[in-house]
């Protein structure tokens, strides 16, 4: 069995349960939110063992999202609140 790359720990993501989790895998960023899980960026899944590891990790993450959604009483559609930029408190 191929192990999940160290760059993506899918078991650390609790879909739709907080606003503070961001997982990165190369240039792909998976952001956990209360009303959505956002994927942005790029990820190259190459035709080799490394590509297989990435594909397995991404599949595990998406399976977790799907399993969570299946457990919920879902509406047809939600109104997604726009994101707002805040000033960096460390700058």
PDB file of N, CA and C in Angstrom:
ATOM      1  N   UNK A   1       0.847  -1.189   0.000  1.00  0.00           N
ATOM      2  CA  UNK A   1       0.000   0.000   0.000  1.00  0.00           C
ATOM      3  C   UNK A   1       0.885   1.241   0.000  1.00  0.00           C
ATOM      4  N   UNK A   2       0.537   2.203  -0.782  1.00  0.00           N
ATOM      5  CA  UNK A   2       1.291   3.434  -0.882  1.00  0.00           C
ATOM      6  C   UNK A   2       0.929   4.354   0.279  1.00  0.00           C
ATOM      7  N   UNK A   3       1.928   4.956   0.878  1.00  0.00           N
ATOM      8  CA  UNK A   3       1.667   5.849   2.003  1.00  0.00           C
ATOM      9  C   UNK A   3       1.254   7.229   1.509  1.00  0.00           C
ATOM     10  N   UNK A   4       0.527   7.951   2.352  1.00  0.00           N
ATOM     11  CA  UNK A   4       0.105   9.314   2.036  1.00  0.00           C
ATOM     12  C   UNK A   4       1.313  10.230   2.167  1.00  0.00           C
ATOM     13  N   UNK A   5       1.540  11.096   1.188  1.00  0.00           N
ATOM     14  CA  UNK A   5       2.681  12.013   1.280  1.00  0.00           C
ATOM     15  C   UNK A   5       2.631  12.837   2.556  1.00  0.00           C
ATOM     16  N   UNK A   6       3.789  13.128   3.078  1.00  0.00           N
ATOM     17  CA  UNK A   6       3.883  13.911   4.312  1.00  0.00           C
ATOM     18  C   UNK A   6       3.299  15.303   4.151  1.00  0.00           C
ATOM     19  N   UNK A   7       3.186  15.768   2.897  1.00  0.00           N
ATOM     20  CA  UNK A   7       2.662  17.115   2.664  1.00  0.00           C
ATOM     21  C   UNK A   7       1.151  17.190   2.810  1.00  0.00           C
ATOM     22  N   UNK A   8       0.481  16.039   2.893  1.00  0.00           N
ATOM     23  CA  UNK A   8      -0.975  16.046   2.993  1.00  0.00           C
ATOM     24  C   UNK A   8      -1.413  15.004   3.999  1.00  0.00           C
ATOM     25  N   UNK A   9      -1.856  15.442   5.151  1.00  0.00           N
ATOM     26  CA  UNK A   9      -2.348  14.545   6.182  1.00  0.00           C
ATOM     27  C   UNK A   9      -3.864  14.646   6.188  1.00  0.00           C
ATOM     28  N   UNK A  10      -4.518  13.767   5.416  1.00  0.00           N
ATOM     29  CA  UNK A  10      -5.963  13.873   5.237  1.00  0.00           C
ATOM     30  C   UNK A  10      -6.724  13.610   6.521  1.00  0.00           C
ATOM     31  N   UNK A  11      -6.171  12.817   7.435  1.00  0.00           N
ATOM     32  CA  UNK A  11      -6.908  12.533   8.655  1.00  0.00           C
ATOM     33  C   UNK A  11      -6.907  13.726   9.599  1.00  0.00           C
ATOM     34  N   UNK A  12      -6.151  14.762   9.293  1.00  0.00           N
ATOM     35  CA  UNK A  12      -6.143  15.958  10.140  1.00  0.00           C
ATOM     36  C   UNK A  12      -7.205  16.966   9.709  1.00  0.00           C
ATOM     37  N   UNK A  13      -7.924  16.676   8.638  1.00  0.00           N
ATOM     38  CA  UNK A  13      -8.967  17.583   8.163  1.00  0.00           C
ATOM     39  C   UNK A  13     -10.328  17.065   8.619  1.00  0.00           C
ATOM     40  N   UNK A  14     -11.056  17.886   9.345  1.00  0.00           N
ATOM     41  CA  UNK A  14     -12.427  17.585   9.748  1.00  0.00           C
ATOM     42  C   UNK A  14     -13.324  18.471   8.895  1.00  0.00           C
ATOM     43  N   UNK A  15     -13.799  17.985   7.745  1.00  0.00           N
ATOM     44  CA  UNK A  15     -14.527  18.833   6.804  1.00  0.00           C
ATOM     45  C   UNK A  15     -15.689  19.584   7.442  1.00  0.00           C
ATOM     46  N   UNK A  16     -15.757  20.874   7.149  1.00  0.00           N
ATOM     47  CA  UNK A  16     -16.850  21.763   7.545  1.00  0.00           C
ATOM     48  C   UNK A  16     -16.930  21.992   9.057  1.00  0.00           C
ATOM     49  N   UNK A  17     -15.877  21.716   9.797  1.00  0.00           N
ATOM     50  CA  UNK A  17     -15.950  21.847  11.256  1.00  0.00           C
ATOM     51  C   UNK A  17     -15.200  23.045  11.820  1.00  0.00           C
ATOM     52  N   UNK A  18     -14.434  23.750  11.004  1.00  0.00           N
ATOM     53  CA  UNK A  18     -13.735  24.934  11.512  1.00  0.00           C
ATOM     54  C   UNK A  18     -13.303  25.822  10.358  1.00  0.00           C
ATOM     55  N   UNK A  19     -12.804  26.962  10.701  1.00  0.00           N
ATOM     56  CA  UNK A  19     -12.344  27.943   9.712  1.00  0.00           C
ATOM     57  C   UNK A  19     -10.830  28.104   9.750  1.00  0.00           C
ATOM     58  N   UNK A  20     -10.138  27.134  10.334  1.00  0.00           N
ATOM     59  CA  UNK A  20      -8.714  27.354  10.577  1.00  0.00           C
ATOM     60  C   UNK A  20      -7.779  26.357   9.911  1.00  0.00           C
ATOM     61  N   UNK A  21      -8.285  25.374   9.190  1.00  0.00           N
ATOM     62  CA  UNK A  21      -7.403  24.373   8.604  1.00  0.00           C
ATOM     63  C   UNK A  21      -7.114  24.659   7.141  1.00  0.00           C
ATOM     64  N   UNK A  22      -5.836  24.658   6.826  1.00  0.00           N
ATOM     65  CA  UNK A  22      -5.401  24.753   5.440  1.00  0.00           C
ATOM     66  C   UNK A  22      -4.333  23.686   5.238  1.00  0.00           C
ATOM     67  N   UNK A  23      -4.537  22.871   4.228  1.00  0.00           N
ATOM     68  CA  UNK A  23      -3.572  21.829   3.887  1.00  0.00           C
ATOM     69  C   UNK A  23      -3.000  22.181   2.524  1.00  0.00           C
ATOM     70  N   UNK A  24      -1.697  22.065   2.372  1.00  0.00           N
ATOM     71  CA  UNK A  24      -1.081  22.331   1.076  1.00  0.00           C
ATOM     72  C   UNK A  24      -0.390  21.075   0.561  1.00  0.00           C
ATOM     73  N   UNK A  25      -0.446  20.926  -0.728  1.00  0.00           N
ATOM     74  CA  UNK A  25       0.233  19.847  -1.427  1.00  0.00           C
ATOM     75  C   UNK A  25       0.754  20.450  -2.713  1.00  0.00           C
ATOM     76  N   UNK A  26       2.062  20.662  -2.762  1.00  0.00           N
ATOM     77  CA  UNK A  26       2.676  21.428  -3.843  1.00  0.00           C
ATOM     78  C   UNK A  26       1.998  22.791  -3.896  1.00  0.00           C
ATOM     79  N   UNK A  27       1.395  23.137  -5.034  1.00  0.00           N
ATOM     80  CA  UNK A  27       0.727  24.438  -5.151  1.00  0.00           C
ATOM     81  C   UNK A  27      -0.774  24.348  -4.908  1.00  0.00           C
ATOM     82  N   UNK A  28      -1.263  23.163  -4.585  1.00  0.00           N
ATOM     83  CA  UNK A  28      -2.682  22.988  -4.288  1.00  0.00           C
ATOM     84  C   UNK A  28      -2.933  23.309  -2.829  1.00  0.00           C
ATOM     85  N   UNK A  29      -3.922  24.141  -2.588  1.00  0.00           N
ATOM     86  CA  UNK A  29      -4.274  24.521  -1.220  1.00  0.00           C
ATOM     87  C   UNK A  29      -5.710  24.089  -0.959  1.00  0.00           C
ATOM     88  N   UNK A  30      -5.912  23.347   0.142  1.00  0.00           N
ATOM     89  CA  UNK A  30      -7.235  22.893   0.549  1.00  0.00           C
ATOM     90  C   UNK A  30      -7.580  23.640   1.827  1.00  0.00           C
ATOM     91  N   UNK A  31      -8.613  24.465   1.753  1.00  0.00           N
ATOM     92  CA  UNK A  31      -8.987  25.313   2.878  1.00  0.00           C
ATOM     93  C   UNK A  31     -10.318  24.841   3.458  1.00  0.00           C
ATOM     94  N   UNK A  32     -10.310  24.529   4.735  1.00  0.00           N
ATOM     95  CA  UNK A  32     -11.504  24.081   5.423  1.00  0.00           C
ATOM     96  C   UNK A  32     -12.305  25.290   5.891  1.00  0.00           C
ATOM     97  N   UNK A  33     -13.591  25.261   5.656  1.00  0.00           N
ATOM     98  CA  UNK A  33     -14.497  26.321   6.103  1.00  0.00           C
ATOM     99  C   UNK A  33     -15.731  25.675   6.708  1.00  0.00           C
ATOM    100  N   UNK A  34     -16.559  26.451   7.365  1.00  0.00           N
ATOM    101  CA  UNK A  34     -17.782  25.910   7.952  1.00  0.00           C
ATOM    102  C   UNK A  34     -18.822  25.569   6.894  1.00  0.00           C
ATOM    103  N   UNK A  35     -18.804  26.298   5.771  1.00  0.00           N
ATOM    104  CA  UNK A  35     -19.809  26.086   4.736  1.00  0.00           C
ATOM    105  C   UNK A  35     -19.257  25.499   3.441  1.00  0.00           C
ATOM    106  N   UNK A  36     -17.936  25.252   3.398  1.00  0.00           N
ATOM    107  CA  UNK A  36     -17.348  24.711   2.171  1.00  0.00           C
ATOM    108  C   UNK A  36     -15.917  24.249   2.432  1.00  0.00           C
ATOM    109  N   UNK A  37     -15.418  23.462   1.515  1.00  0.00           N
ATOM    110  CA  UNK A  37     -13.999  23.109   1.458  1.00  0.00           C
ATOM    111  C   UNK A  37     -13.527  23.623   0.113  1.00  0.00           C
ATOM    112  N   UNK A  38     -12.555  24.535   0.131  1.00  0.00           N
ATOM    113  CA  UNK A  38     -12.096  25.170  -1.098  1.00  0.00           C
ATOM    114  C   UNK A  38     -10.767  24.583  -1.537  1.00  0.00           C
ATOM    115  N   UNK A  39     -10.683  24.248  -2.818  1.00  0.00           N
ATOM    116  CA  UNK A  39      -9.439  23.784  -3.414  1.00  0.00           C
ATOM    117  C   UNK A  39      -8.997  24.821  -4.427  1.00  0.00           C
ATOM    118  N   UNK A  40      -7.746  25.255  -4.328  1.00  0.00           N
ATOM    119  CA  UNK A  40      -7.229  26.212  -5.295  1.00  0.00           C
ATOM    120  C   UNK A  40      -5.756  25.925  -5.552  1.00  0.00           C
ATOM    121  N   UNK A  41      -5.332  26.238  -6.739  1.00  0.00           N
ATOM    122  CA  UNK A  41      -3.931  26.032  -7.096  1.00  0.00           C
ATOM    123  C   UNK A  41      -3.756  24.883  -8.068  1.00  0.00           C
ATOM    124  N   UNK A  42      -2.545  24.365  -8.112  1.00  0.00           N
ATOM    125  CA  UNK A  42      -2.188  23.313  -9.062  1.00  0.00           C
ATOM    126  C   UNK A  42      -1.547  22.140  -8.348  1.00  0.00           C
ATOM    127  N   UNK A  43      -1.769  20.970  -8.898  1.00  0.00           N
ATOM    128  CA  UNK A  43      -1.120  19.757  -8.413  1.00  0.00           C
ATOM    129  C   UNK A  43      -0.860  18.875  -9.622  1.00  0.00           C
ATOM    130  N   UNK A  44       0.388  18.538  -9.849  1.00  0.00           N
ATOM    131  CA  UNK A  44       0.738  17.633 -10.932  1.00  0.00           C
ATOM    132  C   UNK A  44       0.751  16.210 -10.405  1.00  0.00           C
ATOM    133  N   UNK A  45      -0.107  15.382 -10.965  1.00  0.00           N
ATOM    134  CA  UNK A  45      -0.114  13.954 -10.640  1.00  0.00           C
ATOM    135  C   UNK A  45       0.594  13.272 -11.796  1.00  0.00           C
ATOM    136  N   UNK A  46       1.836  12.920 -11.531  1.00  0.00           N
ATOM    137  CA  UNK A  46       2.694  12.362 -12.566  1.00  0.00           C
ATOM    138  C   UNK A  46       2.492  10.859 -12.692  1.00  0.00           C
ATOM    139  N   UNK A  47       2.910  10.329 -13.817  1.00  0.00           N
ATOM    140  CA  UNK A  47       2.759   8.910 -14.113  1.00  0.00           C
ATOM    141  C   UNK A  47       3.927   8.131 -13.507  1.00  0.00           C
ATOM    142  N   UNK A  48       3.993   8.144 -12.168  1.00  0.00           N
ATOM    143  CA  UNK A  48       5.040   7.440 -11.441  1.00  0.00           C
ATOM    144  C   UNK A  48       4.544   7.164 -10.025  1.00  0.00           C
ATOM    145  N   UNK A  49       5.388   6.606  -9.182  1.00  0.00           N
ATOM    146  CA  UNK A  49       4.982   6.276  -7.814  1.00  0.00           C
ATOM    147  C   UNK A  49       4.635   7.522  -7.008  1.00  0.00           C
ATOM    148  N   UNK A  50       5.380   8.586  -7.225  1.00  0.00           N
ATOM    149  CA  UNK A  50       5.083   9.840  -6.515  1.00  0.00           C
ATOM    150  C   UNK A  50       3.704  10.364  -6.918  1.00  0.00           C
ATOM    151  N   UNK A  51       3.378  10.276  -8.189  1.00  0.00           N
ATOM    152  CA  UNK A  51       2.061  10.699  -8.659  1.00  0.00           C
ATOM    153  C   UNK A  51       0.948   9.845  -8.076  1.00  0.00           C
ATOM    154  N   UNK A  52       1.208   8.554  -7.965  1.00  0.00           N
ATOM    155  CA  UNK A  52       0.231   7.653  -7.354  1.00  0.00           C
ATOM    156  C   UNK A  52      -0.016   8.027  -5.900  1.00  0.00           C
ATOM    157  N   UNK A  53       1.038   8.348  -5.169  1.00  0.00           N
ATOM    158  CA  UNK A  53       0.897   8.754  -3.768  1.00  0.00           C
ATOM    159  C   UNK A  53       0.041  10.008  -3.641  1.00  0.00           C
ATOM    160  N   UNK A  54       0.281  10.965  -4.530  1.00  0.00           N
ATOM    161  CA  UNK A  54      -0.504  12.203  -4.499  1.00  0.00           C
ATOM    162  C   UNK A  54      -1.969  11.924  -4.811  1.00  0.00           C
ATOM    163  N   UNK A  55      -2.218  11.077  -5.801  1.00  0.00           N
ATOM    164  CA  UNK A  55      -3.589  10.750  -6.187  1.00  0.00           C
ATOM    165  C   UNK A  55      -4.324  10.037  -5.054  1.00  0.00           C
ATOM    166  N   UNK A  56      -3.648   9.125  -4.378  1.00  0.00           N
ATOM    167  CA  UNK A  56      -4.254   8.412  -3.250  1.00  0.00           C
ATOM    168  C   UNK A  56      -4.578   9.389  -2.120  1.00  0.00           C
ATOM    169  N   UNK A  57      -3.663  10.292  -1.833  1.00  0.00           N
ATOM    170  CA  UNK A  57      -3.878  11.268  -0.760  1.00  0.00           C
ATOM    171  C   UNK A  57      -5.050  12.192  -1.081  1.00  0.00           C
ATOM    172  N   UNK A  58      -5.111  12.664  -2.317  1.00  0.00           N
ATOM    173  CA  UNK A  58      -6.197  13.553  -2.719  1.00  0.00           C
ATOM    174  C   UNK A  58      -7.533  12.815  -2.701  1.00  0.00           C
ATOM    175  N   UNK A  59      -7.537  11.581  -3.146  1.00  0.00           N
ATOM    176  CA  UNK A  59      -8.751  10.768  -3.111  1.00  0.00           C
ATOM    177  C   UNK A  59      -9.227  10.560  -1.677  1.00  0.00           C
ATOM    178  N   UNK A  60      -8.312  10.289  -0.761  1.00  0.00           N
ATOM    179  CA  UNK A  60      -8.676  10.094   0.647  1.00  0.00           C
ATOM    180  C   UNK A  60      -9.286  11.367   1.216  1.00  0.00           C
ATOM    181  N   UNK A  61      -8.719  12.502   0.878  1.00  0.00           N
ATOM    182  CA  UNK A  61      -9.260  13.762   1.366  1.00  0.00           C
ATOM    183  C   UNK A  61     -10.665  14.000   0.824  1.00  0.00           C
ATOM    184  N   UNK A  62     -10.858  13.806  -0.471  1.00  0.00           N
ATOM    185  CA  UNK A  62     -12.173  14.023  -1.062  1.00  0.00           C
ATOM    186  C   UNK A  62     -13.188  13.000  -0.565  1.00  0.00           C
ATOM    187  N   UNK A  63     -12.762  11.765  -0.332  1.00  0.00           N
ATOM    188  CA  UNK A  63     -13.653  10.753   0.246  1.00  0.00           C
ATOM    189  C   UNK A  63     -14.135  11.190   1.623  1.00  0.00           C
ATOM    190  N   UNK A  64     -13.264  11.798   2.401  1.00  0.00           N
ATOM    191  CA  UNK A  64     -13.636  12.302   3.719  1.00  0.00           C
ATOM    192  C   UNK A  64     -14.701  13.390   3.606  1.00  0.00           C
ATOM    193  N   UNK A  65     -14.540  14.271   2.637  1.00  0.00           N
ATOM    194  CA  UNK A  65     -15.519  15.330   2.405  1.00  0.00           C
ATOM    195  C   UNK A  65     -16.861  14.712   1.995  1.00  0.00           C
ATOM    196  N   UNK A  66     -16.835  13.750   1.078  1.00  0.00           N
ATOM    197  CA  UNK A  66     -18.062  13.113   0.607  1.00  0.00           C
ATOM    198  C   UNK A  66     -18.760  12.368   1.745  1.00  0.00           C
ATOM    199  N   UNK A  67     -18.011  11.639   2.550  1.00  0.00           N
ATOM    200  CA  UNK A  67     -18.598  10.913   3.675  1.00  0.00           C
ATOM    201  C   UNK A  67     -19.268  11.872   4.661  1.00  0.00           C
ATOM    202  N   UNK A  68     -18.624  12.999   4.917  1.00  0.00           N
ATOM    203  CA  UNK A  68     -19.210  13.996   5.812  1.00  0.00           C
ATOM    204  C   UNK A  68     -20.505  14.547   5.232  1.00  0.00           C
ATOM    205  N   UNK A  69     -20.503  14.870   3.950  1.00  0.00           N
ATOM    206  CA  UNK A  69     -21.705  15.410   3.310  1.00  0.00           C
ATOM    207  C   UNK A  69     -22.857  14.403   3.337  1.00  0.00           C
ATOM    208  N   UNK A  70     -22.553  13.121   3.149  1.00  0.00           N
ATOM    209  CA  UNK A  70     -23.594  12.092   3.185  1.00  0.00           C
ATOM    210  C   UNK A  70     -24.279  12.012   4.543  1.00  0.00           C
ATOM    211  N   UNK A  71     -23.592  12.354   5.602  1.00  0.00           N
ATOM    212  CA  UNK A  71     -24.137  12.268   6.957  1.00  0.00           C
ATOM    213  C   UNK A  71     -25.031  13.450   7.321  1.00  0.00           C
ATOM    214  N   UNK A  72     -24.990  14.514   6.528  1.00  0.00           N
ATOM    215  CA  UNK A  72     -25.695  15.749   6.856  1.00  0.00           C
ATOM    216  C   UNK A  72     -27.048  15.830   6.160  1.00  0.00           C
ATOM    217  N   UNK A  73     -27.958  16.576   6.747  1.00  0.00           N
ATOM    218  CA  UNK A  73     -29.234  16.898   6.127  1.00  0.00           C
ATOM    219  C   UNK A  73     -28.987  18.156   5.295  1.00  0.00           C
ATOM    220  N   UNK A  74     -28.760  17.983   4.016  1.00  0.00           N
ATOM    221  CA  UNK A  74     -28.310  19.076   3.159  1.00  0.00           C
ATOM    222  C   UNK A  74     -29.446  19.801   2.454  1.00  0.00           C
ATOM    223  N   UNK A  75     -29.346  21.127   2.360  1.00  0.00           N
ATOM    224  CA  UNK A  75     -30.285  21.878   1.525  1.00  0.00           C
ATOM    225  C   UNK A  75     -29.887  21.720   0.052  1.00  0.00           C
ATOM    226  N   UNK A  76     -30.749  22.154  -0.844  1.00  0.00           N
ATOM    227  CA  UNK A  76     -30.431  22.093  -2.279  1.00  0.00           C
ATOM    228  C   UNK A  76     -29.223  22.969  -2.612  1.00  0.00           C
ATOM    229  N   UNK A  77     -29.218  24.180  -2.082  1.00  0.00           N
ATOM    230  CA  UNK A  77     -28.133  25.135  -2.329  1.00  0.00           C
ATOM    231  C   UNK A  77     -27.949  25.996  -1.082  1.00  0.00           C
ATOM    232  N   UNK A  78     -26.742  26.507  -0.909  1.00  0.00           N
ATOM    233  CA  UNK A  78     -26.499  27.473   0.156  1.00  0.00           C
ATOM    234  C   UNK A  78     -25.994  28.765  -0.470  1.00  0.00           C
ATOM    235  N   UNK A  79     -26.128  29.824   0.259  1.00  0.00           N
ATOM    236  CA  UNK A  79     -25.564  31.101  -0.149  1.00  0.00           C
ATOM    237  C   UNK A  79     -24.168  31.170   0.463  1.00  0.00           C
ATOM    238  N   UNK A  80     -23.148  31.145  -0.363  1.00  0.00           N
ATOM    239  CA  UNK A  80     -21.770  31.186   0.125  1.00  0.00           C
ATOM    240  C   UNK A  80     -21.399  32.628   0.408  1.00  0.00           C
ATOM    241  N   UNK A  81     -21.026  32.870   1.642  1.00  0.00           N
ATOM    242  CA  UNK A  81     -20.624  34.219   2.027  1.00  0.00           C
ATOM    243  C   UNK A  81     -19.282  34.551   1.382  1.00  0.00           C
ATOM    244  N   UNK A  82     -19.146  35.748   0.830  1.00  0.00           N
ATOM    245  CA  UNK A  82     -17.859  36.112   0.221  1.00  0.00           C
ATOM    246  C   UNK A  82     -16.772  36.230   1.287  1.00  0.00           C
ATOM    247  N   UNK A  83     -15.562  35.902   0.899  1.00  0.00           N
ATOM    248  CA  UNK A  83     -14.447  36.038   1.826  1.00  0.00           C
ATOM    249  C   UNK A  83     -14.056  37.502   1.921  1.00  0.00           C
ATOM    250  N   UNK A  84     -13.542  37.879   3.070  1.00  0.00           N
ATOM    251  CA  UNK A  84     -13.090  39.253   3.253  1.00  0.00           C
ATOM    252  C   UNK A  84     -11.627  39.250   3.664  1.00  0.00           C
ATOM    253  N   UNK A  85     -10.901  40.185   3.129  1.00  0.00           N
ATOM    254  CA  UNK A  85      -9.490  40.322   3.475  1.00  0.00           C
ATOM    255  C   UNK A  85      -9.373  41.123   4.762  1.00  0.00           C
ATOM    256  N   UNK A  86      -8.472  40.694   5.611  1.00  0.00           N
ATOM    257  CA  UNK A  86      -8.215  41.442   6.845  1.00  0.00           C
ATOM    258  C   UNK A  86      -6.753  41.861   6.864  1.00  0.00           C
ATOM    259  N   UNK A  87      -6.475  42.885   7.601  1.00  0.00           N
ATOM    260  CA  UNK A  87      -5.103  43.366   7.728  1.00  0.00           C
ATOM    261  C   UNK A  87      -4.292  42.350   8.503  1.00  0.00           C
ATOM    262  N   UNK A  88      -3.091  42.077   8.047  1.00  0.00           N
ATOM    263  CA  UNK A  88      -2.186  41.144   8.707  1.00  0.00           C
ATOM    264  C   UNK A  88      -1.749  41.740  10.052  1.00  0.00           C
ATOM    265  N   UNK A  89      -2.100  41.088  11.167  1.00  0.00           N
ATOM    266  CA  UNK A  89      -1.751  41.647  12.474  1.00  0.00           C
ATOM    267  C   UNK A  89      -0.252  41.543  12.783  1.00  0.00           C
ATOM    268  N   UNK A  90       0.483  40.795  12.006  1.00  0.00           N
ATOM    269  CA  UNK A  90       1.908  40.600  12.247  1.00  0.00           C
ATOM    270  C   UNK A  90       2.786  41.506  11.393  1.00  0.00           C
ATOM    271  N   UNK A  91       2.163  42.312  10.591  1.00  0.00           N
ATOM    272  CA  UNK A  91       2.895  43.189   9.687  1.00  0.00           C
ATOM    273  C   UNK A  91       2.895  44.622  10.155  1.00  0.00           C
TER     274      UNK A  91
END
